[in-house]
Amino acid sequence: MSDSGTTADNEKGKLNQLSKNPFFNFAGPYLDYIGKGNIFTLVYIVMAVLNLLLPFIILYKVIDSGFFGYFGAKGVFTFIFAWIVIVFACWIGFQIWWNRRTKVSVISTSEFVATPIFSEILQTSGEWLGTFIGIVGAGVGLIATIALGNDANDFFSIIGMGFLNYGALVIIIGPVIGFFIIILFRFFAEQLRILAALANNTKEIATNIKNKAAGI
């Protein structure tokens, strides 16, 4: 063997030894984690946890706004029943995100990972947001309209849903808006899914043609 070949082998051996050094590969588990697309599971977990926290965030906002002092006992009872509806909507939202997180492990087995997973996140976001607006719009809208009358719009503004200031019509408009949000988000999610499917199928066809040409 020539000196140049021996030197190259020695250099390669040194690089292999260096790559086994913990200082250079301690990030290996993290790289494997994000490489398999598992990091997208965190999106589902974070959103699920936020749904559990949201009722308490709204509770803090309402207390801090002075809502109870302005409306008195009527405002207290109105918020109690409205808060129960919000808790129910958030619990449904938690289940939507928590149950859909298992799809990531199935989708991540394909060649192109980010696009189909993003389409699932987009679809889940639409289902969650549409469901939340539908339940809160109808439920809280009915309670606030009966108890507060024209001041129901102020209540929606306080809880951060001022875009539902339609008065008594929110009881109908809320579910309608929620329905169209679900449909619209699903439509765009399916467009992304189609692109990912075309890319995966194209790669599979190209691989089969290459294998046939090579006689495999």
N, C-alpha and C. Protein backbone atom coordinates (compact mmCIF):
# COMPACT_ATOMS: atom_id res chain seq x y z
N MET A 1 0.86 -1.20 0.00
CA MET A 1 0.00 0.00 0.00
C MET A 1 0.88 1.23 0.00
N SER A 2 0.55 2.22 -0.76
CA SER A 2 1.35 3.44 -0.86
C SER A 2 1.24 4.26 0.40
N ASP A 3 2.21 5.21 0.53
CA ASP A 3 2.20 6.09 1.70
C ASP A 3 0.97 6.97 1.71
N SER A 4 0.56 7.42 0.48
CA SER A 4 -0.61 8.30 0.42
C SER A 4 -1.86 7.56 0.88
N GLY A 5 -1.96 6.27 0.50
CA GLY A 5 -3.12 5.48 0.92
C GLY A 5 -3.13 5.26 2.42
N THR A 6 -1.95 4.98 2.98
CA THR A 6 -1.84 4.77 4.43
C THR A 6 -2.20 6.04 5.18
N THR A 7 -1.73 7.18 4.67
CA THR A 7 -2.03 8.47 5.31
C THR A 7 -3.52 8.76 5.29
N ALA A 8 -4.15 8.47 4.15
CA ALA A 8 -5.60 8.70 4.02
C ALA A 8 -6.37 7.83 5.00
N ASP A 9 -5.92 6.54 5.13
CA ASP A 9 -6.59 5.64 6.07
C ASP A 9 -6.42 6.12 7.50
N ASN A 10 -5.22 6.62 7.81
CA ASN A 10 -4.98 7.13 9.17
C ASN A 10 -5.85 8.34 9.48
N GLU A 11 -5.96 9.23 8.48
CA GLU A 11 -6.79 10.42 8.67
C GLU A 11 -8.25 10.03 8.85
N LYS A 12 -8.70 9.04 8.05
CA LYS A 12 -10.08 8.58 8.18
C LYS A 12 -10.34 7.96 9.54
N GLY A 13 -9.33 7.20 10.03
CA GLY A 13 -9.47 6.59 11.35
C GLY A 13 -9.55 7.63 12.44
N LYS A 14 -8.75 8.68 12.31
CA LYS A 14 -8.78 9.75 13.31
C LYS A 14 -10.13 10.46 13.31
N LEU A 15 -10.68 10.67 12.10
CA LEU A 15 -11.99 11.34 12.02
C LEU A 15 -13.08 10.47 12.63
N ASN A 16 -12.99 9.15 12.41
CA ASN A 16 -13.97 8.25 13.00
C ASN A 16 -13.89 8.25 14.52
N GLN A 17 -12.65 8.26 15.03
CA GLN A 17 -12.47 8.32 16.47
C GLN A 17 -12.99 9.65 17.03
N LEU A 18 -12.74 10.72 16.26
CA LEU A 18 -13.19 12.03 16.71
C LEU A 18 -14.71 12.13 16.74
N SER A 19 -15.36 11.49 15.75
CA SER A 19 -16.83 11.54 15.69
C SER A 19 -17.47 10.78 16.83
N LYS A 20 -16.72 9.84 17.44
CA LYS A 20 -17.25 9.09 18.57
C LYS A 20 -17.09 9.83 19.89
N ASN A 21 -16.38 10.95 19.83
CA ASN A 21 -16.18 11.75 21.04
C ASN A 21 -17.52 12.35 21.49
N PRO A 22 -17.87 12.22 22.78
CA PRO A 22 -19.16 12.76 23.26
C PRO A 22 -19.34 14.24 22.98
N PHE A 23 -18.24 14.99 22.88
CA PHE A 23 -18.34 16.42 22.65
C PHE A 23 -18.93 16.72 21.27
N PHE A 24 -18.73 15.79 20.32
CA PHE A 24 -19.18 16.01 18.95
C PHE A 24 -20.53 15.34 18.63
N ASN A 25 -21.00 14.45 19.46
CA ASN A 25 -22.23 13.73 19.12
C ASN A 25 -23.28 13.74 20.24
N PHE A 26 -23.13 14.61 21.24
CA PHE A 26 -24.12 14.62 22.33
C PHE A 26 -25.48 15.12 21.84
N ALA A 27 -25.50 15.82 20.70
CA ALA A 27 -26.78 16.29 20.14
C ALA A 27 -27.44 15.26 19.24
N GLY A 28 -26.84 14.06 19.17
CA GLY A 28 -27.38 13.02 18.30
C GLY A 28 -28.84 12.67 18.56
N PRO A 29 -29.22 12.42 19.81
CA PRO A 29 -30.64 12.10 20.07
C PRO A 29 -31.60 13.21 19.64
N TYR A 30 -31.18 14.46 19.83
CA TYR A 30 -32.02 15.58 19.42
C TYR A 30 -32.16 15.63 17.90
N LEU A 31 -31.06 15.40 17.20
CA LEU A 31 -31.09 15.41 15.73
C LEU A 31 -31.97 14.28 15.20
N ASP A 32 -31.89 13.11 15.83
CA ASP A 32 -32.74 11.99 15.42
C ASP A 32 -34.21 12.32 15.68
N TYR A 33 -34.46 13.02 16.79
CA TYR A 33 -35.84 13.36 17.17
C TYR A 33 -36.48 14.29 16.14
N ILE A 34 -35.77 15.35 15.77
CA ILE A 34 -36.35 16.30 14.82
C ILE A 34 -36.29 15.74 13.40
N GLY A 35 -35.33 14.87 13.12
CA GLY A 35 -35.22 14.29 11.79
C GLY A 35 -36.39 13.38 11.45
N LYS A 36 -36.96 12.73 12.46
CA LYS A 36 -38.09 11.83 12.24
C LYS A 36 -39.43 12.55 12.26
N GLY A 37 -39.40 13.86 12.50
CA GLY A 37 -40.64 14.62 12.51
C GLY A 37 -41.38 14.59 13.83
N ASN A 38 -40.77 13.96 14.84
CA ASN A 38 -41.45 13.87 16.13
C ASN A 38 -41.62 15.22 16.81
N ILE A 39 -40.80 16.20 16.39
CA ILE A 39 -40.90 17.51 17.01
C ILE A 39 -42.27 18.14 16.77
N PHE A 40 -42.93 17.72 15.68
CA PHE A 40 -44.25 18.27 15.39
C PHE A 40 -45.27 17.85 16.44
N THR A 41 -44.99 16.76 17.15
CA THR A 41 -45.90 16.31 18.21
C THR A 41 -46.02 17.37 19.29
N LEU A 42 -44.94 18.15 19.48
CA LEU A 42 -44.95 19.19 20.51
C LEU A 42 -46.02 20.23 20.22
N VAL A 43 -46.30 20.49 18.93
CA VAL A 43 -47.33 21.47 18.58
C VAL A 43 -48.68 21.02 19.13
N TYR A 44 -48.99 19.75 18.96
CA TYR A 44 -50.25 19.21 19.44
C TYR A 44 -50.32 19.24 20.97
N ILE A 45 -49.21 18.89 21.61
CA ILE A 45 -49.19 18.87 23.07
C ILE A 45 -49.33 20.28 23.64
N VAL A 46 -48.60 21.23 23.05
CA VAL A 46 -48.68 22.62 23.52
C VAL A 46 -50.09 23.18 23.35
N MET A 47 -50.71 22.93 22.19
CA MET A 47 -52.07 23.43 21.96
C MET A 47 -53.07 22.75 22.89
N ALA A 48 -52.87 21.48 23.17
CA ALA A 48 -53.76 20.78 24.10
C ALA A 48 -53.66 21.40 25.50
N VAL A 49 -52.44 21.67 25.93
CA VAL A 49 -52.24 22.29 27.26
C VAL A 49 -52.83 23.69 27.29
N LEU A 50 -52.66 24.46 26.21
CA LEU A 50 -53.22 25.82 26.16
C LEU A 50 -54.74 25.80 26.30
N ASN A 51 -55.38 24.77 25.75
CA ASN A 51 -56.83 24.65 25.90
C ASN A 51 -57.23 24.42 27.35
N LEU A 52 -56.38 23.76 28.11
CA LEU A 52 -56.66 23.58 29.53
C LEU A 52 -56.45 24.87 30.31
N LEU A 53 -55.53 25.70 29.85
CA LEU A 53 -55.22 26.95 30.55
C LEU A 53 -56.14 28.10 30.15
N LEU A 54 -56.71 28.03 28.96
CA LEU A 54 -57.49 29.15 28.43
C LEU A 54 -58.65 29.58 29.33
N PRO A 55 -59.44 28.67 29.91
CA PRO A 55 -60.51 29.13 30.80
C PRO A 55 -60.02 29.97 31.97
N PHE A 56 -58.85 29.62 32.49
CA PHE A 56 -58.31 30.36 33.63
C PHE A 56 -57.73 31.71 33.19
N ILE A 57 -57.23 31.76 31.96
CA ILE A 57 -56.77 33.04 31.42
C ILE A 57 -57.96 33.98 31.25
N ILE A 58 -59.07 33.44 30.73
CA ILE A 58 -60.27 34.24 30.57
C ILE A 58 -60.82 34.67 31.91
N LEU A 59 -60.78 33.79 32.89
CA LEU A 59 -61.22 34.13 34.24
C LEU A 59 -60.42 35.30 34.81
N TYR A 60 -59.11 35.26 34.61
CA TYR A 60 -58.26 36.35 35.10
C TYR A 60 -58.59 37.66 34.38
N LYS A 61 -58.79 37.59 33.07
CA LYS A 61 -59.10 38.80 32.30
C LYS A 61 -60.40 39.44 32.76
N VAL A 62 -61.42 38.61 33.00
CA VAL A 62 -62.72 39.13 33.42
C VAL A 62 -62.63 39.76 34.81
N ILE A 63 -61.94 39.10 35.72
CA ILE A 63 -61.78 39.66 37.07
C ILE A 63 -61.01 40.96 37.02
N ASP A 64 -59.94 40.99 36.23
CA ASP A 64 -59.09 42.18 36.14
C ASP A 64 -59.80 43.34 35.45
N SER A 65 -60.81 43.05 34.62
CA SER A 65 -61.50 44.11 33.88
C SER A 65 -62.50 44.88 34.73
N GLY A 66 -62.83 44.35 35.91
CA GLY A 66 -63.83 45.01 36.74
C GLY A 66 -65.25 44.70 36.31
N PHE A 67 -65.41 43.62 35.55
CA PHE A 67 -66.73 43.24 35.03
C PHE A 67 -67.73 43.00 36.15
N PHE A 68 -67.30 42.31 37.19
CA PHE A 68 -68.21 41.97 38.29
C PHE A 68 -68.66 43.21 39.04
N GLY A 69 -67.74 44.16 39.22
CA GLY A 69 -68.10 45.38 39.92
C GLY A 69 -69.10 46.22 39.15
N TYR A 70 -69.04 46.16 37.83
CA TYR A 70 -69.93 46.97 36.99
C TYR A 70 -71.33 46.36 36.91
N PHE A 71 -71.41 45.04 36.75
CA PHE A 71 -72.71 44.39 36.59
C PHE A 71 -73.26 43.79 37.87
N GLY A 72 -72.42 43.70 38.91
CA GLY A 72 -72.90 43.20 40.19
C GLY A 72 -73.21 41.71 40.16
N ALA A 73 -74.23 41.31 40.92
CA ALA A 73 -74.60 39.90 41.05
C ALA A 73 -75.02 39.32 39.71
N LYS A 74 -75.69 40.11 38.89
CA LYS A 74 -76.11 39.64 37.58
C LYS A 74 -74.90 39.25 36.74
N GLY A 75 -73.85 40.05 36.83
CA GLY A 75 -72.64 39.74 36.07
C GLY A 75 -71.95 38.49 36.59
N VAL A 76 -72.00 38.28 37.90
CA VAL A 76 -71.37 37.09 38.49
C VAL A 76 -72.05 35.82 37.99
N PHE A 77 -73.38 35.79 38.06
CA PHE A 77 -74.10 34.60 37.62
C PHE A 77 -73.97 34.39 36.11
N THR A 78 -73.96 35.50 35.37
CA THR A 78 -73.78 35.38 33.91
C THR A 78 -72.45 34.75 33.59
N PHE A 79 -71.40 35.21 34.25
CA PHE A 79 -70.07 34.69 33.95
C PHE A 79 -69.93 33.24 34.38
N ILE A 80 -70.53 32.86 35.50
CA ILE A 80 -70.42 31.48 35.97
C ILE A 80 -70.95 30.52 34.90
N PHE A 81 -72.14 30.80 34.41
CA PHE A 81 -72.73 29.91 33.39
C PHE A 81 -71.96 30.00 32.06
N ALA A 82 -71.53 31.22 31.71
CA ALA A 82 -70.75 31.38 30.48
C ALA A 82 -69.41 30.67 30.60
N TRP A 83 -68.81 30.73 31.78
CA TRP A 83 -67.50 30.09 31.99
C TRP A 83 -67.62 28.57 31.88
N ILE A 84 -68.74 28.02 32.32
CA ILE A 84 -68.95 26.57 32.18
C ILE A 84 -68.98 26.19 30.70
N VAL A 85 -69.63 27.01 29.89
CA VAL A 85 -69.65 26.76 28.45
C VAL A 85 -68.24 26.85 27.87
N ILE A 86 -67.47 27.85 28.30
CA ILE A 86 -66.10 28.02 27.82
C ILE A 86 -65.24 26.82 28.21
N VAL A 87 -65.40 26.35 29.45
CA VAL A 87 -64.65 25.17 29.91
C VAL A 87 -64.99 23.96 29.05
N PHE A 88 -66.28 23.79 28.73
CA PHE A 88 -66.70 22.67 27.88
C PHE A 88 -66.06 22.78 26.49
N ALA A 89 -66.08 23.99 25.91
CA ALA A 89 -65.49 24.20 24.58
C ALA A 89 -63.99 23.92 24.60
N CYS A 90 -63.32 24.35 25.67
CA CYS A 90 -61.88 24.12 25.78
C CYS A 90 -61.56 22.64 26.00
N TRP A 91 -62.44 21.95 26.71
CA TRP A 91 -62.22 20.52 26.91
C TRP A 91 -62.35 19.76 25.59
N ILE A 92 -63.33 20.14 24.78
CA ILE A 92 -63.45 19.55 23.44
C ILE A 92 -62.20 19.88 22.63
N GLY A 93 -61.72 21.13 22.71
CA GLY A 93 -60.51 21.52 22.00
C GLY A 93 -59.30 20.73 22.44
N PHE A 94 -59.19 20.48 23.75
CA PHE A 94 -58.10 19.66 24.28
C PHE A 94 -58.12 18.27 23.65
N GLN A 95 -59.31 17.67 23.59
CA GLN A 95 -59.42 16.33 23.03
C GLN A 95 -59.07 16.30 21.54
N ILE A 96 -59.46 17.36 20.82
CA ILE A 96 -59.14 17.42 19.39
C ILE A 96 -57.63 17.39 19.18
N TRP A 97 -56.90 18.24 19.90
CA TRP A 97 -55.44 18.30 19.74
C TRP A 97 -54.77 17.03 20.29
N TRP A 98 -55.22 16.56 21.43
CA TRP A 98 -54.58 15.41 22.06
C TRP A 98 -54.75 14.14 21.24
N ASN A 99 -55.94 13.93 20.70
CA ASN A 99 -56.19 12.72 19.92
C ASN A 99 -55.50 12.75 18.56
N ARG A 100 -55.39 13.93 17.95
CA ARG A 100 -54.79 14.03 16.62
C ARG A 100 -53.26 13.94 16.65
N ARG A 101 -52.66 14.03 17.82
CA ARG A 101 -51.19 14.00 17.89
C ARG A 101 -50.64 12.67 17.41
N THR A 102 -51.45 11.59 17.50
CA THR A 102 -50.97 10.26 17.11
C THR A 102 -50.78 10.13 15.61
N LYS A 103 -51.37 11.04 14.83
CA LYS A 103 -51.23 10.96 13.37
C LYS A 103 -49.81 11.31 12.92
N VAL A 104 -49.08 12.04 13.74
CA VAL A 104 -47.74 12.47 13.35
C VAL A 104 -46.84 11.26 13.11
N SER A 105 -46.92 10.25 14.00
CA SER A 105 -46.06 9.08 13.87
C SER A 105 -46.35 8.30 12.59
N VAL A 106 -47.60 8.34 12.13
CA VAL A 106 -47.97 7.64 10.89
C VAL A 106 -47.47 8.40 9.67
N ILE A 107 -47.68 9.72 9.66
CA ILE A 107 -47.29 10.54 8.52
C ILE A 107 -45.78 10.62 8.37
N SER A 108 -45.05 10.60 9.50
CA SER A 108 -43.60 10.79 9.45
C SER A 108 -42.86 9.63 8.79
N THR A 109 -43.58 8.55 8.45
CA THR A 109 -42.92 7.43 7.76
C THR A 109 -42.75 7.69 6.27
N SER A 110 -43.41 8.73 5.74
CA SER A 110 -43.28 9.03 4.32
C SER A 110 -41.99 9.78 4.04
N GLU A 111 -41.66 9.91 2.75
CA GLU A 111 -40.42 10.58 2.36
C GLU A 111 -40.48 12.06 2.66
N PHE A 112 -41.60 12.70 2.34
CA PHE A 112 -41.76 14.13 2.58
C PHE A 112 -42.64 14.31 3.82
N VAL A 113 -42.05 14.84 4.88
CA VAL A 113 -42.70 14.84 6.19
C VAL A 113 -43.37 16.16 6.51
N ALA A 114 -42.65 17.27 6.33
CA ALA A 114 -43.12 18.56 6.83
C ALA A 114 -44.45 18.98 6.22
N THR A 115 -44.60 18.81 4.90
CA THR A 115 -45.82 19.28 4.23
C THR A 115 -47.07 18.54 4.70
N PRO A 116 -47.09 17.19 4.70
CA PRO A 116 -48.31 16.51 5.18
C PRO A 116 -48.60 16.77 6.66
N ILE A 117 -47.55 16.88 7.48
CA ILE A 117 -47.78 17.16 8.90
C ILE A 117 -48.33 18.56 9.08
N PHE A 118 -47.79 19.52 8.32
CA PHE A 118 -48.32 20.88 8.41
C PHE A 118 -49.78 20.92 7.97
N SER A 119 -50.13 20.13 6.97
CA SER A 119 -51.53 20.09 6.52
C SER A 119 -52.42 19.54 7.63
N GLU A 120 -51.92 18.56 8.39
CA GLU A 120 -52.69 18.02 9.50
C GLU A 120 -52.85 19.06 10.61
N ILE A 121 -51.77 19.81 10.88
CA ILE A 121 -51.84 20.86 11.88
C ILE A 121 -52.84 21.93 11.45
N LEU A 122 -52.81 22.27 10.16
CA LEU A 122 -53.74 23.27 9.64
C LEU A 122 -55.19 22.80 9.77
N GLN A 123 -55.43 21.56 9.42
CA GLN A 123 -56.79 21.02 9.52
C GLN A 123 -57.25 20.95 10.97
N THR A 124 -56.36 20.50 11.86
CA THR A 124 -56.71 20.42 13.28
C THR A 124 -56.97 21.80 13.85
N SER A 125 -56.19 22.80 13.42
CA SER A 125 -56.41 24.17 13.88
C SER A 125 -57.80 24.66 13.49
N GLY A 126 -58.20 24.35 12.26
CA GLY A 126 -59.53 24.76 11.80
C GLY A 126 -60.63 24.07 12.57
N GLU A 127 -60.45 22.78 12.82
CA GLU A 127 -61.46 22.03 13.58
C GLU A 127 -61.58 22.57 15.00
N TRP A 128 -60.44 22.87 15.59
CA TRP A 128 -60.46 23.40 16.96
C TRP A 128 -61.08 24.79 17.01
N LEU A 129 -60.60 25.69 16.14
CA LEU A 129 -61.09 27.07 16.16
C LEU A 129 -62.57 27.14 15.80
N GLY A 130 -62.97 26.40 14.77
CA GLY A 130 -64.37 26.40 14.36
C GLY A 130 -65.28 25.86 15.44
N THR A 131 -64.85 24.77 16.07
CA THR A 131 -65.64 24.18 17.16
C THR A 131 -65.75 25.13 18.34
N PHE A 132 -64.62 25.75 18.68
CA PHE A 132 -64.62 26.68 19.82
C PHE A 132 -65.55 27.86 19.57
N ILE A 133 -65.45 28.47 18.40
CA ILE A 133 -66.28 29.63 18.08
C ILE A 133 -67.75 29.23 18.02
N GLY A 134 -68.02 28.05 17.46
CA GLY A 134 -69.41 27.59 17.37
C GLY A 134 -70.04 27.39 18.74
N ILE A 135 -69.31 26.72 19.64
CA ILE A 135 -69.84 26.45 20.98
C ILE A 135 -69.96 27.73 21.79
N VAL A 136 -68.89 28.52 21.80
CA VAL A 136 -68.90 29.76 22.60
C VAL A 136 -69.89 30.76 22.02
N GLY A 137 -69.93 30.88 20.69
CA GLY A 137 -70.85 31.82 20.08
C GLY A 137 -72.29 31.52 20.41
N ALA A 138 -72.67 30.24 20.31
CA ALA A 138 -74.05 29.86 20.58
C ALA A 138 -74.35 29.85 22.07
N GLY A 139 -73.48 29.16 22.85
CA GLY A 139 -73.74 29.00 24.28
C GLY A 139 -73.60 30.29 25.07
N VAL A 140 -72.43 30.91 24.97
CA VAL A 140 -72.19 32.15 25.71
C VAL A 140 -73.07 33.27 25.15
N GLY A 141 -73.28 33.27 23.84
CA GLY A 141 -74.14 34.29 23.24
C GLY A 141 -75.55 34.22 23.80
N LEU A 142 -76.09 33.02 23.95
CA LEU A 142 -77.44 32.85 24.49
C LEU A 142 -77.51 33.32 25.94
N ILE A 143 -76.53 32.89 26.74
CA ILE A 143 -76.53 33.26 28.16
C ILE A 143 -76.36 34.76 28.34
N ALA A 144 -75.39 35.34 27.63
CA ALA A 144 -75.12 36.77 27.78
C ALA A 144 -76.27 37.63 27.26
N THR A 145 -76.91 37.19 26.19
CA THR A 145 -78.03 37.96 25.64
C THR A 145 -79.22 37.96 26.59
N ILE A 146 -79.52 36.81 27.18
CA ILE A 146 -80.64 36.72 28.12
C ILE A 146 -80.36 37.55 29.38
N ALA A 147 -79.12 37.45 29.90
CA ALA A 147 -78.82 38.09 31.18
C ALA A 147 -78.42 39.56 31.04
N LEU A 148 -77.71 39.91 29.96
CA LEU A 148 -77.15 41.25 29.86
C LEU A 148 -77.79 42.10 28.78
N GLY A 149 -78.54 41.49 27.89
CA GLY A 149 -79.18 42.26 26.82
C GLY A 149 -78.17 42.85 25.87
N ASN A 150 -78.27 44.14 25.65
CA ASN A 150 -77.37 44.83 24.71
C ASN A 150 -75.93 44.88 25.19
N ASP A 151 -75.71 44.64 26.48
CA ASP A 151 -74.35 44.66 27.02
C ASP A 151 -73.61 43.35 26.76
N ALA A 152 -74.26 42.40 26.08
CA ALA A 152 -73.61 41.13 25.78
C ALA A 152 -72.36 41.34 24.92
N ASN A 153 -72.38 42.35 24.05
CA ASN A 153 -71.23 42.62 23.20
C ASN A 153 -70.01 43.00 24.03
N ASP A 154 -70.25 43.74 25.13
CA ASP A 154 -69.14 44.11 26.02
C ASP A 154 -68.51 42.87 26.63
N PHE A 155 -69.33 41.89 26.93
CA PHE A 155 -68.82 40.66 27.54
C PHE A 155 -67.91 39.92 26.57
N PHE A 156 -68.32 39.85 25.31
CA PHE A 156 -67.47 39.19 24.31
C PHE A 156 -66.15 39.93 24.13
N SER A 157 -66.20 41.24 24.21
CA SER A 157 -64.96 42.03 24.09
C SER A 157 -64.03 41.75 25.26
N ILE A 158 -64.59 41.59 26.44
CA ILE A 158 -63.78 41.35 27.64
C ILE A 158 -63.06 40.00 27.56
N ILE A 159 -63.75 38.98 27.03
CA ILE A 159 -63.13 37.65 26.97
C ILE A 159 -62.27 37.47 25.72
N GLY A 160 -62.07 38.55 24.96
CA GLY A 160 -61.18 38.50 23.80
C GLY A 160 -61.82 37.98 22.54
N MET A 161 -63.16 38.02 22.46
CA MET A 161 -63.86 37.55 21.26
C MET A 161 -64.79 38.65 20.75
N GLY A 162 -64.22 39.85 20.65
CA GLY A 162 -65.00 41.00 20.20
C GLY A 162 -65.51 40.86 18.78
N PHE A 163 -64.89 39.97 17.99
CA PHE A 163 -65.34 39.79 16.61
C PHE A 163 -66.71 39.11 16.54
N LEU A 164 -67.23 38.66 17.69
CA LEU A 164 -68.55 38.06 17.74
C LEU A 164 -69.60 39.04 18.26
N ASN A 165 -69.31 40.32 18.14
CA ASN A 165 -70.25 41.34 18.61
C ASN A 165 -71.39 41.52 17.60
N TYR A 166 -72.29 40.55 17.59
CA TYR A 166 -73.43 40.62 16.70
C TYR A 166 -74.75 40.66 17.46
N GLY A 167 -74.65 40.94 18.76
CA GLY A 167 -75.86 40.96 19.56
C GLY A 167 -76.46 39.57 19.67
N ALA A 168 -77.79 39.47 19.64
CA ALA A 168 -78.47 38.19 19.76
C ALA A 168 -78.19 37.29 18.55
N LEU A 169 -77.82 37.88 17.42
CA LEU A 169 -77.56 37.09 16.21
C LEU A 169 -76.34 36.18 16.36
N VAL A 170 -75.49 36.45 17.36
CA VAL A 170 -74.30 35.63 17.54
C VAL A 170 -74.68 34.19 17.84
N ILE A 171 -75.87 33.98 18.38
CA ILE A 171 -76.32 32.61 18.68
C ILE A 171 -76.37 31.78 17.40
N ILE A 172 -76.70 32.41 16.30
CA ILE A 172 -76.74 31.72 14.99
C ILE A 172 -75.44 31.91 14.22
N ILE A 173 -74.92 33.14 14.26
CA ILE A 173 -73.73 33.46 13.47
C ILE A 173 -72.51 32.71 13.99
N GLY A 174 -72.39 32.52 15.31
CA GLY A 174 -71.24 31.80 15.88
C GLY A 174 -71.06 30.42 15.28
N PRO A 175 -72.08 29.56 15.32
CA PRO A 175 -71.94 28.23 14.70
C PRO A 175 -71.70 28.29 13.20
N VAL A 176 -72.30 29.27 12.52
CA VAL A 176 -72.11 29.39 11.07
C VAL A 176 -70.65 29.73 10.76
N ILE A 177 -70.10 30.70 11.49
CA ILE A 177 -68.69 31.06 11.31
C ILE A 177 -67.80 29.86 11.60
N GLY A 178 -68.09 29.15 12.69
CA GLY A 178 -67.31 27.97 13.05
C GLY A 178 -67.35 26.91 11.97
N PHE A 179 -68.52 26.69 11.38
CA PHE A 179 -68.66 25.69 10.33
C PHE A 179 -67.80 26.04 9.11
N PHE A 180 -67.85 27.29 8.69
CA PHE A 180 -67.08 27.68 7.50
C PHE A 180 -65.58 27.70 7.78
N ILE A 181 -65.19 27.97 9.02
CA ILE A 181 -63.77 27.88 9.37
C ILE A 181 -63.28 26.45 9.21
N ILE A 182 -64.05 25.50 9.71
CA ILE A 182 -63.67 24.09 9.58
C ILE A 182 -63.54 23.68 8.12
N ILE A 183 -64.52 24.07 7.30
CA ILE A 183 -64.50 23.72 5.88
C ILE A 183 -63.32 24.37 5.17
N LEU A 184 -63.08 25.65 5.43
CA LEU A 184 -62.02 26.39 4.74
C LEU A 184 -60.65 25.84 5.09
N PHE A 185 -60.40 25.60 6.37
CA PHE A 185 -59.10 25.08 6.79
C PHE A 185 -58.87 23.68 6.23
N ARG A 186 -59.93 22.88 6.20
CA ARG A 186 -59.79 21.53 5.65
C ARG A 186 -59.48 21.57 4.17
N PHE A 187 -60.09 22.52 3.45
CA PHE A 187 -59.83 22.65 2.02
C PHE A 187 -58.36 22.94 1.75
N PHE A 188 -57.80 23.94 2.46
CA PHE A 188 -56.39 24.28 2.25
C PHE A 188 -55.47 23.15 2.71
N ALA A 189 -55.86 22.45 3.77
CA ALA A 189 -55.05 21.33 4.25
C ALA A 189 -55.00 20.22 3.21
N GLU A 190 -56.13 19.98 2.54
CA GLU A 190 -56.16 18.93 1.53
C GLU A 190 -55.33 19.29 0.30
N GLN A 191 -55.25 20.58 -0.02
CA GLN A 191 -54.39 20.99 -1.14
C GLN A 191 -52.93 20.67 -0.85
N LEU A 192 -52.51 20.93 0.38
CA LEU A 192 -51.13 20.61 0.76
C LEU A 192 -50.92 19.10 0.76
N ARG A 193 -51.92 18.36 1.18
CA ARG A 193 -51.81 16.91 1.22
C ARG A 193 -51.69 16.33 -0.20
N ILE A 194 -52.40 16.94 -1.13
CA ILE A 194 -52.31 16.50 -2.53
C ILE A 194 -50.89 16.70 -3.06
N LEU A 195 -50.30 17.85 -2.75
CA LEU A 195 -48.93 18.11 -3.21
C LEU A 195 -47.95 17.09 -2.63
N ALA A 196 -48.11 16.77 -1.35
CA ALA A 196 -47.23 15.79 -0.72
C ALA A 196 -47.42 14.41 -1.33
N ALA A 197 -48.68 14.05 -1.63
CA ALA A 197 -48.95 12.74 -2.23
C ALA A 197 -48.34 12.65 -3.63
N LEU A 198 -48.45 13.72 -4.40
CA LEU A 198 -47.85 13.74 -5.74
C LEU A 198 -46.34 13.58 -5.66
N ALA A 199 -45.72 14.27 -4.71
CA ALA A 199 -44.27 14.19 -4.56
C ALA A 199 -43.84 12.78 -4.17
N ASN A 200 -44.56 12.16 -3.21
CA ASN A 200 -44.23 10.81 -2.79
C ASN A 200 -44.43 9.80 -3.91
N ASN A 201 -45.54 9.93 -4.66
CA ASN A 201 -45.81 9.01 -5.76
C ASN A 201 -44.80 9.17 -6.90
N THR A 202 -44.42 10.41 -7.17
CA THR A 202 -43.43 10.66 -8.22
C THR A 202 -42.09 10.02 -7.88
N LYS A 203 -41.69 10.14 -6.62
CA LYS A 203 -40.42 9.56 -6.19
C LYS A 203 -40.49 8.04 -6.25
N GLU A 204 -41.65 7.47 -5.87
CA GLU A 204 -41.80 6.02 -5.91
C GLU A 204 -41.75 5.50 -7.34
N ILE A 205 -42.40 6.21 -8.26
CA ILE A 205 -42.38 5.80 -9.68
C ILE A 205 -40.96 5.88 -10.23
N ALA A 206 -40.25 6.97 -9.89
CA ALA A 206 -38.87 7.13 -10.37
C ALA A 206 -37.98 6.02 -9.83
N THR A 207 -38.19 5.63 -8.57
CA THR A 207 -37.39 4.56 -7.97
C THR A 207 -37.67 3.23 -8.65
N ASN A 208 -38.95 2.96 -8.94
CA ASN A 208 -39.30 1.70 -9.61
C ASN A 208 -38.70 1.63 -11.02
N ILE A 209 -38.75 2.75 -11.74
CA ILE A 209 -38.17 2.77 -13.09
C ILE A 209 -36.66 2.53 -13.03
N LYS A 210 -36.02 3.14 -12.06
CA LYS A 210 -34.56 2.98 -11.91
C LYS A 210 -34.22 1.55 -11.56
N ASN A 211 -35.02 0.92 -10.70
CA ASN A 211 -34.75 -0.47 -10.32
C ASN A 211 -34.96 -1.42 -11.50
N LYS A 212 -36.00 -1.16 -12.29
CA LYS A 212 -36.23 -2.00 -13.48
C LYS A 212 -35.11 -1.87 -14.49
N ALA A 213 -34.62 -0.62 -14.65
CA ALA A 213 -33.52 -0.40 -15.60
C ALA A 213 -32.25 -1.11 -15.14
N ALA A 214 -32.10 -1.20 -13.80
CA ALA A 214 -30.90 -1.85 -13.26
C ALA A 214 -31.10 -3.36 -13.15
N GLY A 215 -32.30 -3.84 -13.47
CA GLY A 215 -32.58 -5.26 -13.41
C GLY A 215 -32.79 -5.79 -12.01
N ILE A 216 -33.18 -4.89 -11.09
CA ILE A 216 -33.40 -5.31 -9.71
C ILE A 216 -34.82 -5.83 -9.54
